Amino acid sequence: MSKIKDFFSKISPLKEEYWQIFYSKLEKREFPKKTVILKQGEVENYLNFVESGIVRHYFERIENDITFDFTFEGTFYSSYKSFLTRKPSEYNIQSLTDVELYSISYENLQKVYAETIKGNMFGRFAAEGLYINKLNRELSFLTKTARERYLSLFEEQPELIREIPLQYIASYIGVTPQALSRIRRRIS
């Protein structure tokens, strides 16, 4: 629980009463490795904070899945479009490792907004974090090579990247597994 409280404390000091209101609405959820947390076609009911573990976002394809995002501990994730619009998600979300989440339901987040002066701050900071991650991902595809995207991922999460199967990393950086093998050989 400390990571989510630390996340908000770094951004803006919280009065204990606001934290307790928010905390009372959180649900601790745990998923074992390789569990599909949200299936394409389901409505996302939670805004999630990854306390520990790694989550993968992907599209299923007949030949191979397309991994387009990873979420590491200490950050928020959601199928955010589905969460906001209350419409089915267009992709799947899976735990790559054992995952511990602190989740707030759509309904409870609306209550936090209504019940506290700083309630909107919780949602805003989570949304801003999701937006920044999305923007950084898009910019990396426009401005970096596959090798640079791989190195960035490795530099950002060196201890965790070892937990991610290579075919997911290849898909994430936009190359085939064979091309990733060549990139890794050149780096070594």
N, C-alpha and C. Protein backbone atom coordinates (compact mmCIF):
# COMPACT_ATOMS: atom_id res chain seq x y z
N MET A 1 0.83 -1.20 0.00
CA MET A 1 0.00 0.00 0.00
C MET A 1 0.86 1.25 0.00
N SER A 2 2.08 1.12 0.42
CA SER A 2 2.92 2.30 0.56
C SER A 2 3.21 2.98 -0.78
N LYS A 3 3.30 2.22 -1.88
CA LYS A 3 3.67 2.81 -3.16
C LYS A 3 2.60 3.76 -3.68
N ILE A 4 1.34 3.42 -3.51
CA ILE A 4 0.28 4.30 -4.00
C ILE A 4 0.20 5.57 -3.16
N LYS A 5 0.37 5.44 -1.87
CA LYS A 5 0.36 6.63 -1.01
C LYS A 5 1.57 7.51 -1.33
N ASP A 6 2.74 6.88 -1.53
CA ASP A 6 3.94 7.62 -1.91
C ASP A 6 3.75 8.35 -3.24
N PHE A 7 3.09 7.68 -4.19
CA PHE A 7 2.83 8.27 -5.50
C PHE A 7 2.11 9.61 -5.35
N PHE A 8 1.03 9.61 -4.58
CA PHE A 8 0.27 10.85 -4.40
C PHE A 8 1.00 11.86 -3.52
N SER A 9 1.71 11.39 -2.52
CA SER A 9 2.44 12.30 -1.62
C SER A 9 3.53 13.07 -2.35
N LYS A 10 4.16 12.44 -3.33
CA LYS A 10 5.20 13.12 -4.10
C LYS A 10 4.63 14.26 -4.94
N ILE A 11 3.39 14.10 -5.35
CA ILE A 11 2.76 15.11 -6.21
C ILE A 11 2.18 16.24 -5.39
N SER A 12 1.49 15.88 -4.32
CA SER A 12 0.84 16.90 -3.49
C SER A 12 0.61 16.32 -2.10
N PRO A 13 1.07 17.01 -1.06
CA PRO A 13 0.82 16.50 0.30
C PRO A 13 -0.68 16.34 0.54
N LEU A 14 -1.04 15.23 1.16
CA LEU A 14 -2.44 14.93 1.41
C LEU A 14 -2.76 14.99 2.89
N LYS A 15 -3.88 15.60 3.21
CA LYS A 15 -4.37 15.49 4.57
C LYS A 15 -4.81 14.05 4.78
N GLU A 16 -4.58 13.57 5.98
CA GLU A 16 -4.92 12.18 6.28
C GLU A 16 -6.40 11.88 6.03
N GLU A 17 -7.27 12.84 6.26
CA GLU A 17 -8.71 12.58 6.04
C GLU A 17 -9.01 12.32 4.57
N TYR A 18 -8.33 13.03 3.65
CA TYR A 18 -8.55 12.80 2.21
C TYR A 18 -8.00 11.43 1.81
N TRP A 19 -6.82 11.12 2.33
CA TRP A 19 -6.23 9.82 2.04
C TRP A 19 -7.16 8.70 2.53
N GLN A 20 -7.72 8.83 3.72
CA GLN A 20 -8.58 7.78 4.27
C GLN A 20 -9.85 7.60 3.43
N ILE A 21 -10.40 8.70 2.93
CA ILE A 21 -11.59 8.58 2.06
C ILE A 21 -11.22 7.81 0.80
N PHE A 22 -10.10 8.20 0.17
CA PHE A 22 -9.65 7.52 -1.04
C PHE A 22 -9.32 6.06 -0.74
N TYR A 23 -8.56 5.83 0.31
CA TYR A 23 -8.13 4.48 0.69
C TYR A 23 -9.33 3.57 0.95
N SER A 24 -10.37 4.11 1.57
CA SER A 24 -11.55 3.30 1.89
C SER A 24 -12.27 2.80 0.64
N LYS A 25 -12.01 3.44 -0.50
CA LYS A 25 -12.66 3.05 -1.76
C LYS A 25 -11.80 2.10 -2.58
N LEU A 26 -10.54 1.91 -2.17
CA LEU A 26 -9.65 1.02 -2.92
C LEU A 26 -9.93 -0.44 -2.62
N GLU A 27 -9.70 -1.26 -3.60
CA GLU A 27 -9.86 -2.71 -3.46
C GLU A 27 -8.51 -3.35 -3.82
N LYS A 28 -7.99 -4.16 -2.92
CA LYS A 28 -6.74 -4.88 -3.21
C LYS A 28 -7.11 -6.10 -4.04
N ARG A 29 -6.44 -6.23 -5.20
CA ARG A 29 -6.69 -7.38 -6.07
C ARG A 29 -5.35 -8.02 -6.42
N GLU A 30 -5.31 -9.33 -6.39
CA GLU A 30 -4.08 -10.06 -6.72
C GLU A 30 -4.37 -11.07 -7.82
N PHE A 31 -3.44 -11.16 -8.76
CA PHE A 31 -3.57 -12.08 -9.89
C PHE A 31 -2.28 -12.86 -10.05
N PRO A 32 -2.39 -14.18 -10.23
CA PRO A 32 -1.18 -14.95 -10.51
C PRO A 32 -0.66 -14.67 -11.92
N LYS A 33 0.57 -15.04 -12.13
CA LYS A 33 1.24 -14.88 -13.42
C LYS A 33 0.37 -15.46 -14.55
N LYS A 34 0.34 -14.74 -15.68
CA LYS A 34 -0.34 -15.16 -16.92
C LYS A 34 -1.87 -15.20 -16.80
N THR A 35 -2.44 -14.36 -15.94
CA THR A 35 -3.89 -14.27 -15.82
C THR A 35 -4.39 -13.12 -16.69
N VAL A 36 -5.43 -13.38 -17.47
CA VAL A 36 -6.05 -12.29 -18.23
C VAL A 36 -6.94 -11.54 -17.25
N ILE A 37 -6.56 -10.31 -16.95
CA ILE A 37 -7.27 -9.48 -15.98
C ILE A 37 -8.50 -8.85 -16.62
N LEU A 38 -8.37 -8.44 -17.88
CA LEU A 38 -9.48 -7.85 -18.63
C LEU A 38 -9.45 -8.42 -20.04
N LYS A 39 -10.57 -8.95 -20.48
CA LYS A 39 -10.66 -9.51 -21.84
C LYS A 39 -11.25 -8.48 -22.79
N GLN A 40 -10.76 -8.50 -24.01
CA GLN A 40 -11.34 -7.68 -25.07
C GLN A 40 -12.84 -7.95 -25.09
N GLY A 41 -13.63 -6.87 -25.16
CA GLY A 41 -15.09 -7.01 -25.18
C GLY A 41 -15.73 -6.80 -23.82
N GLU A 42 -14.93 -6.82 -22.75
CA GLU A 42 -15.46 -6.52 -21.42
C GLU A 42 -15.31 -5.03 -21.13
N VAL A 43 -16.16 -4.50 -20.28
CA VAL A 43 -16.05 -3.10 -19.87
C VAL A 43 -15.06 -3.03 -18.72
N GLU A 44 -14.13 -2.08 -18.81
CA GLU A 44 -13.15 -1.86 -17.74
C GLU A 44 -13.86 -1.15 -16.59
N ASN A 45 -13.87 -1.79 -15.44
CA ASN A 45 -14.55 -1.22 -14.28
C ASN A 45 -13.60 -0.60 -13.28
N TYR A 46 -12.28 -0.70 -13.52
CA TYR A 46 -11.31 -0.25 -12.53
C TYR A 46 -10.22 0.65 -13.11
N LEU A 47 -9.81 1.59 -12.30
CA LEU A 47 -8.56 2.31 -12.48
C LEU A 47 -7.61 1.64 -11.50
N ASN A 48 -6.49 1.13 -12.00
CA ASN A 48 -5.61 0.26 -11.21
C ASN A 48 -4.24 0.87 -10.99
N PHE A 49 -3.72 0.66 -9.79
CA PHE A 49 -2.36 1.05 -9.45
C PHE A 49 -1.59 -0.24 -9.22
N VAL A 50 -0.47 -0.42 -9.92
CA VAL A 50 0.32 -1.64 -9.78
C VAL A 50 1.26 -1.47 -8.59
N GLU A 51 0.92 -2.15 -7.52
CA GLU A 51 1.76 -2.14 -6.32
C GLU A 51 2.99 -3.01 -6.54
N SER A 52 2.80 -4.15 -7.21
CA SER A 52 3.94 -5.00 -7.57
C SER A 52 3.58 -5.82 -8.79
N GLY A 53 4.60 -6.10 -9.61
CA GLY A 53 4.42 -6.94 -10.78
C GLY A 53 4.45 -6.18 -12.09
N ILE A 54 4.13 -6.91 -13.18
CA ILE A 54 4.14 -6.35 -14.53
C ILE A 54 2.85 -6.76 -15.23
N VAL A 55 2.25 -5.80 -15.92
CA VAL A 55 1.01 -6.03 -16.67
C VAL A 55 1.28 -5.76 -18.14
N ARG A 56 0.67 -6.57 -19.01
CA ARG A 56 0.83 -6.43 -20.46
C ARG A 56 -0.51 -6.08 -21.08
N HIS A 57 -0.49 -5.16 -22.07
CA HIS A 57 -1.68 -4.77 -22.83
C HIS A 57 -1.47 -5.28 -24.25
N TYR A 58 -2.47 -6.01 -24.79
CA TYR A 58 -2.24 -6.60 -26.11
C TYR A 58 -3.54 -6.86 -26.86
N PHE A 59 -3.37 -6.97 -28.18
CA PHE A 59 -4.44 -7.38 -29.09
C PHE A 59 -4.17 -8.82 -29.47
N GLU A 60 -5.21 -9.64 -29.49
CA GLU A 60 -5.05 -11.01 -29.98
C GLU A 60 -5.16 -11.02 -31.48
N ARG A 61 -4.24 -11.73 -32.11
CA ARG A 61 -4.25 -11.92 -33.55
C ARG A 61 -4.08 -13.41 -33.82
N ILE A 62 -4.53 -13.88 -34.97
CA ILE A 62 -4.46 -15.30 -35.30
C ILE A 62 -3.01 -15.79 -35.29
N GLU A 63 -2.12 -15.07 -35.96
CA GLU A 63 -0.73 -15.52 -36.04
C GLU A 63 0.04 -15.24 -34.76
N ASN A 64 -0.08 -14.04 -34.24
CA ASN A 64 0.61 -13.70 -33.00
C ASN A 64 -0.03 -12.46 -32.38
N ASP A 65 0.07 -12.37 -31.05
CA ASP A 65 -0.47 -11.21 -30.34
C ASP A 65 0.38 -9.99 -30.63
N ILE A 66 -0.25 -8.82 -30.49
CA ILE A 66 0.48 -7.57 -30.63
C ILE A 66 0.49 -6.90 -29.25
N THR A 67 1.64 -6.89 -28.63
CA THR A 67 1.81 -6.22 -27.34
C THR A 67 2.10 -4.75 -27.60
N PHE A 68 1.30 -3.88 -27.02
CA PHE A 68 1.53 -2.46 -27.27
C PHE A 68 1.86 -1.67 -26.01
N ASP A 69 1.79 -2.31 -24.85
CA ASP A 69 2.18 -1.58 -23.65
C ASP A 69 2.46 -2.55 -22.51
N PHE A 70 3.32 -2.10 -21.59
CA PHE A 70 3.58 -2.77 -20.33
C PHE A 70 3.33 -1.74 -19.23
N THR A 71 2.86 -2.21 -18.09
CA THR A 71 2.74 -1.34 -16.92
C THR A 71 3.54 -1.98 -15.80
N PHE A 72 4.43 -1.20 -15.22
CA PHE A 72 5.29 -1.67 -14.15
C PHE A 72 4.82 -1.12 -12.82
N GLU A 73 5.35 -1.69 -11.75
CA GLU A 73 4.93 -1.25 -10.43
C GLU A 73 5.17 0.24 -10.22
N GLY A 74 4.28 0.81 -9.42
CA GLY A 74 4.38 2.22 -9.09
C GLY A 74 3.67 3.13 -10.07
N THR A 75 2.87 2.55 -10.98
CA THR A 75 2.13 3.36 -11.95
C THR A 75 0.70 2.87 -12.10
N PHE A 76 -0.12 3.74 -12.67
CA PHE A 76 -1.53 3.41 -12.92
C PHE A 76 -1.68 2.81 -14.31
N TYR A 77 -2.72 2.00 -14.46
CA TYR A 77 -3.13 1.53 -15.78
C TYR A 77 -4.62 1.28 -15.77
N SER A 78 -5.17 1.23 -16.94
CA SER A 78 -6.58 0.91 -17.16
C SER A 78 -6.78 0.78 -18.66
N SER A 79 -7.82 0.11 -19.06
CA SER A 79 -8.28 0.26 -20.43
C SER A 79 -9.11 1.54 -20.35
N TYR A 80 -8.41 2.65 -20.38
CA TYR A 80 -8.97 3.93 -19.94
C TYR A 80 -10.14 4.41 -20.79
N LYS A 81 -10.08 4.18 -22.08
CA LYS A 81 -11.21 4.56 -22.94
C LYS A 81 -12.46 3.80 -22.51
N SER A 82 -12.32 2.52 -22.26
CA SER A 82 -13.44 1.71 -21.79
C SER A 82 -13.91 2.18 -20.42
N PHE A 83 -12.96 2.48 -19.54
CA PHE A 83 -13.27 2.95 -18.19
C PHE A 83 -14.11 4.23 -18.24
N LEU A 84 -13.70 5.18 -19.08
CA LEU A 84 -14.40 6.46 -19.15
C LEU A 84 -15.74 6.39 -19.88
N THR A 85 -15.76 5.65 -20.99
CA THR A 85 -16.97 5.62 -21.82
C THR A 85 -17.96 4.55 -21.39
N ARG A 86 -17.50 3.61 -20.55
CA ARG A 86 -18.32 2.48 -20.09
C ARG A 86 -18.69 1.56 -21.26
N LYS A 87 -17.84 1.54 -22.29
CA LYS A 87 -18.02 0.66 -23.44
C LYS A 87 -16.95 -0.43 -23.41
N PRO A 88 -17.15 -1.53 -24.16
CA PRO A 88 -16.20 -2.65 -24.11
C PRO A 88 -14.78 -2.26 -24.51
N SER A 89 -13.84 -2.90 -23.84
CA SER A 89 -12.42 -2.70 -24.15
C SER A 89 -12.09 -3.29 -25.51
N GLU A 90 -11.16 -2.66 -26.20
CA GLU A 90 -10.74 -3.12 -27.52
C GLU A 90 -9.53 -4.04 -27.44
N TYR A 91 -9.03 -4.29 -26.23
CA TYR A 91 -7.84 -5.12 -26.07
C TYR A 91 -7.87 -5.86 -24.74
N ASN A 92 -6.91 -6.75 -24.57
CA ASN A 92 -6.76 -7.57 -23.36
C ASN A 92 -5.68 -6.99 -22.46
N ILE A 93 -5.81 -7.30 -21.18
CA ILE A 93 -4.78 -6.94 -20.20
C ILE A 93 -4.47 -8.20 -19.40
N GLN A 94 -3.17 -8.51 -19.28
CA GLN A 94 -2.72 -9.76 -18.66
C GLN A 94 -1.60 -9.49 -17.66
N SER A 95 -1.59 -10.28 -16.60
CA SER A 95 -0.46 -10.23 -15.65
C SER A 95 0.68 -11.07 -16.22
N LEU A 96 1.86 -10.47 -16.33
CA LEU A 96 3.03 -11.22 -16.80
C LEU A 96 3.76 -11.89 -15.64
N THR A 97 3.59 -11.32 -14.46
CA THR A 97 4.16 -11.88 -13.23
C THR A 97 3.01 -11.93 -12.24
N ASP A 98 3.25 -12.43 -11.06
CA ASP A 98 2.25 -12.26 -10.01
C ASP A 98 2.07 -10.76 -9.82
N VAL A 99 0.83 -10.32 -9.72
CA VAL A 99 0.53 -8.89 -9.68
C VAL A 99 -0.33 -8.57 -8.47
N GLU A 100 0.02 -7.48 -7.80
CA GLU A 100 -0.79 -6.94 -6.72
C GLU A 100 -1.24 -5.55 -7.15
N LEU A 101 -2.55 -5.35 -7.17
CA LEU A 101 -3.12 -4.08 -7.61
C LEU A 101 -3.92 -3.44 -6.48
N TYR A 102 -3.97 -2.12 -6.51
CA TYR A 102 -4.95 -1.38 -5.74
C TYR A 102 -5.85 -0.72 -6.77
N SER A 103 -7.12 -1.08 -6.72
CA SER A 103 -8.06 -0.68 -7.76
C SER A 103 -9.20 0.12 -7.16
N ILE A 104 -9.66 1.09 -7.94
CA ILE A 104 -10.85 1.83 -7.55
C ILE A 104 -11.85 1.69 -8.69
N SER A 105 -13.06 1.33 -8.33
CA SER A 105 -14.09 1.14 -9.35
C SER A 105 -14.54 2.50 -9.89
N TYR A 106 -15.14 2.45 -11.05
CA TYR A 106 -15.66 3.67 -11.67
C TYR A 106 -16.62 4.37 -10.71
N GLU A 107 -17.53 3.60 -10.13
CA GLU A 107 -18.53 4.17 -9.21
C GLU A 107 -17.87 4.79 -7.99
N ASN A 108 -16.89 4.09 -7.41
CA ASN A 108 -16.22 4.64 -6.23
C ASN A 108 -15.37 5.86 -6.55
N LEU A 109 -14.80 5.91 -7.73
CA LEU A 109 -14.03 7.10 -8.11
C LEU A 109 -14.97 8.30 -8.22
N GLN A 110 -16.16 8.08 -8.75
CA GLN A 110 -17.14 9.17 -8.84
C GLN A 110 -17.52 9.65 -7.44
N LYS A 111 -17.62 8.73 -6.48
CA LYS A 111 -17.93 9.10 -5.10
C LYS A 111 -16.79 9.92 -4.49
N VAL A 112 -15.54 9.52 -4.76
CA VAL A 112 -14.39 10.27 -4.25
C VAL A 112 -14.42 11.69 -4.82
N TYR A 113 -14.72 11.81 -6.11
CA TYR A 113 -14.83 13.13 -6.72
C TYR A 113 -15.86 13.99 -5.99
N ALA A 114 -16.98 13.39 -5.65
CA ALA A 114 -18.08 14.13 -5.04
C ALA A 114 -17.86 14.41 -3.55
N GLU A 115 -17.14 13.53 -2.85
CA GLU A 115 -17.04 13.63 -1.39
C GLU A 115 -15.89 14.48 -0.87
N THR A 116 -14.89 14.75 -1.69
CA THR A 116 -13.73 15.46 -1.16
C THR A 116 -13.35 16.64 -2.04
N ILE A 117 -12.78 17.62 -1.41
CA ILE A 117 -12.29 18.78 -2.14
C ILE A 117 -11.15 18.36 -3.08
N LYS A 118 -10.28 17.47 -2.61
CA LYS A 118 -9.15 17.03 -3.42
C LYS A 118 -9.48 15.78 -4.23
N GLY A 119 -10.73 15.37 -4.23
CA GLY A 119 -11.11 14.15 -4.94
C GLY A 119 -10.74 14.15 -6.40
N ASN A 120 -10.96 15.26 -7.06
CA ASN A 120 -10.63 15.34 -8.48
C ASN A 120 -9.13 15.22 -8.73
N MET A 121 -8.34 15.59 -7.71
CA MET A 121 -6.89 15.48 -7.84
C MET A 121 -6.47 14.03 -8.05
N PHE A 122 -7.10 13.09 -7.34
CA PHE A 122 -6.74 11.67 -7.48
C PHE A 122 -6.92 11.23 -8.93
N GLY A 123 -8.08 11.50 -9.47
CA GLY A 123 -8.36 11.11 -10.85
C GLY A 123 -7.49 11.85 -11.85
N ARG A 124 -7.28 13.13 -11.61
CA ARG A 124 -6.47 13.93 -12.53
C ARG A 124 -5.04 13.43 -12.61
N PHE A 125 -4.42 13.14 -11.46
CA PHE A 125 -3.04 12.66 -11.46
C PHE A 125 -2.92 11.30 -12.13
N ALA A 126 -3.89 10.43 -11.90
CA ALA A 126 -3.88 9.13 -12.57
C ALA A 126 -4.02 9.32 -14.08
N ALA A 127 -4.97 10.17 -14.49
CA ALA A 127 -5.19 10.42 -15.92
C ALA A 127 -3.97 11.06 -16.57
N GLU A 128 -3.35 12.00 -15.86
CA GLU A 128 -2.15 12.64 -16.41
C GLU A 128 -1.02 11.63 -16.60
N GLY A 129 -0.88 10.72 -15.64
CA GLY A 129 0.15 9.69 -15.76
C GLY A 129 -0.11 8.78 -16.95
N LEU A 130 -1.37 8.40 -17.15
CA LEU A 130 -1.73 7.56 -18.30
C LEU A 130 -1.45 8.30 -19.61
N TYR A 131 -1.78 9.59 -19.64
CA TYR A 131 -1.56 10.38 -20.86
C TYR A 131 -0.06 10.51 -21.17
N ILE A 132 0.73 10.79 -20.16
CA ILE A 132 2.18 10.95 -20.37
C ILE A 132 2.79 9.64 -20.88
N ASN A 133 2.37 8.51 -20.29
CA ASN A 133 2.87 7.22 -20.77
C ASN A 133 2.51 6.99 -22.23
N LYS A 134 1.27 7.31 -22.60
CA LYS A 134 0.81 7.13 -23.98
C LYS A 134 1.60 8.04 -24.93
N LEU A 135 1.78 9.29 -24.55
CA LEU A 135 2.51 10.24 -25.37
C LEU A 135 3.97 9.80 -25.55
N ASN A 136 4.61 9.38 -24.46
CA ASN A 136 5.99 8.91 -24.56
C ASN A 136 6.10 7.71 -25.49
N ARG A 137 5.14 6.83 -25.43
CA ARG A 137 5.14 5.65 -26.30
C ARG A 137 5.01 6.05 -27.76
N GLU A 138 4.08 6.95 -28.06
CA GLU A 138 3.91 7.41 -29.44
C GLU A 138 5.15 8.13 -29.94
N LEU A 139 5.72 8.99 -29.12
CA LEU A 139 6.92 9.72 -29.52
C LEU A 139 8.09 8.78 -29.77
N SER A 140 8.18 7.71 -28.98
CA SER A 140 9.29 6.77 -29.18
C SER A 140 9.20 6.11 -30.54
N PHE A 141 7.99 5.84 -31.03
CA PHE A 141 7.84 5.23 -32.35
C PHE A 141 8.13 6.23 -33.46
N LEU A 142 7.94 7.49 -33.19
CA LEU A 142 8.19 8.51 -34.20
C LEU A 142 9.63 8.99 -34.24
N THR A 143 10.33 8.87 -33.12
CA THR A 143 11.66 9.48 -33.04
C THR A 143 12.81 8.52 -32.77
N LYS A 144 12.51 7.26 -32.40
CA LYS A 144 13.57 6.33 -32.04
C LYS A 144 13.56 5.10 -32.94
N THR A 145 14.73 4.50 -33.06
CA THR A 145 14.82 3.23 -33.77
C THR A 145 14.37 2.11 -32.83
N ALA A 146 14.17 0.92 -33.38
CA ALA A 146 13.81 -0.24 -32.56
C ALA A 146 14.89 -0.50 -31.50
N ARG A 147 16.14 -0.35 -31.90
CA ARG A 147 17.26 -0.55 -30.97
C ARG A 147 17.15 0.45 -29.81
N GLU A 148 16.89 1.70 -30.13
CA GLU A 148 16.76 2.74 -29.09
C GLU A 148 15.56 2.47 -28.18
N ARG A 149 14.45 1.98 -28.76
CA ARG A 149 13.28 1.66 -27.94
C ARG A 149 13.61 0.50 -26.99
N TYR A 150 14.33 -0.49 -27.48
CA TYR A 150 14.74 -1.61 -26.63
C TYR A 150 15.65 -1.12 -25.50
N LEU A 151 16.63 -0.32 -25.84
CA LEU A 151 17.55 0.18 -24.82
C LEU A 151 16.84 1.04 -23.78
N SER A 152 15.87 1.84 -24.23
CA SER A 152 15.10 2.66 -23.28
C SER A 152 14.33 1.80 -22.30
N LEU A 153 13.67 0.78 -22.82
CA LEU A 153 12.92 -0.14 -21.96
C LEU A 153 13.88 -0.81 -20.98
N PHE A 154 15.02 -1.23 -21.46
CA PHE A 154 16.00 -1.90 -20.61
C PHE A 154 16.55 -0.95 -19.55
N GLU A 155 16.77 0.31 -19.91
CA GLU A 155 17.29 1.29 -18.94
C GLU A 155 16.24 1.65 -17.89
N GLU A 156 14.98 1.73 -18.30
CA GLU A 156 13.91 2.12 -17.38
C GLU A 156 13.58 1.02 -16.38
N GLN A 157 13.61 -0.23 -16.80
CA GLN A 157 13.19 -1.34 -15.95
C GLN A 157 14.15 -2.53 -16.05
N PRO A 158 15.44 -2.36 -15.79
CA PRO A 158 16.40 -3.45 -16.04
C PRO A 158 16.11 -4.73 -15.26
N GLU A 159 15.66 -4.60 -14.02
CA GLU A 159 15.43 -5.80 -13.23
C GLU A 159 14.13 -6.50 -13.62
N LEU A 160 13.18 -5.75 -14.14
CA LEU A 160 11.88 -6.33 -14.48
C LEU A 160 11.82 -6.86 -15.90
N ILE A 161 12.61 -6.29 -16.79
CA ILE A 161 12.54 -6.69 -18.20
C ILE A 161 12.91 -8.17 -18.37
N ARG A 162 13.68 -8.70 -17.44
CA ARG A 162 14.05 -10.12 -17.50
C ARG A 162 12.83 -11.03 -17.32
N GLU A 163 11.77 -10.48 -16.77
CA GLU A 163 10.54 -11.24 -16.52
C GLU A 163 9.64 -11.31 -17.76
N ILE A 164 9.93 -10.51 -18.77
CA ILE A 164 9.06 -10.40 -19.93
C ILE A 164 9.57 -11.30 -21.05
N PRO A 165 8.74 -12.21 -21.56
CA PRO A 165 9.17 -13.05 -22.69
C PRO A 165 9.60 -12.20 -23.88
N LEU A 166 10.63 -12.66 -24.58
CA LEU A 166 11.21 -11.90 -25.69
C LEU A 166 10.21 -11.61 -26.80
N GLN A 167 9.28 -12.53 -27.08
CA GLN A 167 8.32 -12.25 -28.15
C GLN A 167 7.43 -11.06 -27.80
N TYR A 168 7.15 -10.83 -26.52
CA TYR A 168 6.35 -9.67 -26.11
C TYR A 168 7.17 -8.39 -26.25
N ILE A 169 8.43 -8.46 -25.89
CA ILE A 169 9.31 -7.28 -26.03
C ILE A 169 9.45 -6.93 -27.51
N ALA A 170 9.65 -7.93 -28.35
CA ALA A 170 9.77 -7.69 -29.80
C ALA A 170 8.52 -6.99 -30.33
N SER A 171 7.36 -7.51 -29.98
CA SER A 171 6.11 -6.91 -30.42
C SER A 171 5.99 -5.47 -29.91
N TYR A 172 6.36 -5.27 -28.65
CA TYR A 172 6.27 -3.94 -28.03
C TYR A 172 7.13 -2.90 -28.74
N ILE A 173 8.34 -3.31 -29.16
CA ILE A 173 9.21 -2.33 -29.83
C ILE A 173 8.98 -2.30 -31.34
N GLY A 174 8.08 -3.17 -31.83
CA GLY A 174 7.69 -3.11 -33.23
C GLY A 174 8.58 -3.89 -34.19
N VAL A 175 9.16 -5.00 -33.71
CA VAL A 175 10.01 -5.83 -34.58
C VAL A 175 9.64 -7.30 -34.40
N THR A 176 10.18 -8.14 -35.26
CA THR A 176 10.01 -9.58 -35.12
C THR A 176 10.95 -10.09 -34.03
N PRO A 177 10.67 -11.27 -33.48
CA PRO A 177 11.61 -11.85 -32.51
C PRO A 177 13.01 -12.03 -33.09
N GLN A 178 13.10 -12.35 -34.38
CA GLN A 178 14.40 -12.51 -35.01
C GLN A 178 15.17 -11.18 -35.06
N ALA A 179 14.47 -10.11 -35.37
CA ALA A 179 15.12 -8.79 -35.40
C ALA A 179 15.57 -8.39 -33.99
N LEU A 180 14.77 -8.72 -32.99
CA LEU A 180 15.17 -8.43 -31.61
C LEU A 180 16.43 -9.21 -31.25
N SER A 181 16.51 -10.44 -31.69
CA SER A 181 17.73 -11.24 -31.43
C SER A 181 18.95 -10.57 -32.04
N ARG A 182 18.81 -10.04 -33.25
CA ARG A 182 19.93 -9.33 -33.89
C ARG A 182 20.30 -8.08 -33.10
N ILE A 183 19.31 -7.33 -32.64
CA ILE A 183 19.56 -6.12 -31.83
C ILE A 183 20.31 -6.51 -30.56
N ARG A 184 19.86 -7.55 -29.91
CA ARG A 184 20.50 -7.97 -28.66
C ARG A 184 21.93 -8.43 -28.89
N ARG A 185 22.18 -9.12 -30.00
CA ARG A 185 23.56 -9.57 -30.31
C ARG A 185 24.47 -8.37 -30.55
N ARG A 186 23.97 -7.35 -31.25
CA ARG A 186 24.80 -6.16 -31.52
C ARG A 186 25.11 -5.39 -30.24
N ILE A 187 24.21 -5.40 -29.30
CA ILE A 187 24.41 -4.67 -28.05
C ILE A 187 25.42 -5.39 -27.17
N SER A 188 25.38 -6.71 -27.17
CA SER A 188 26.24 -7.51 -26.27
C SER A 188 27.71 -7.26 -26.49
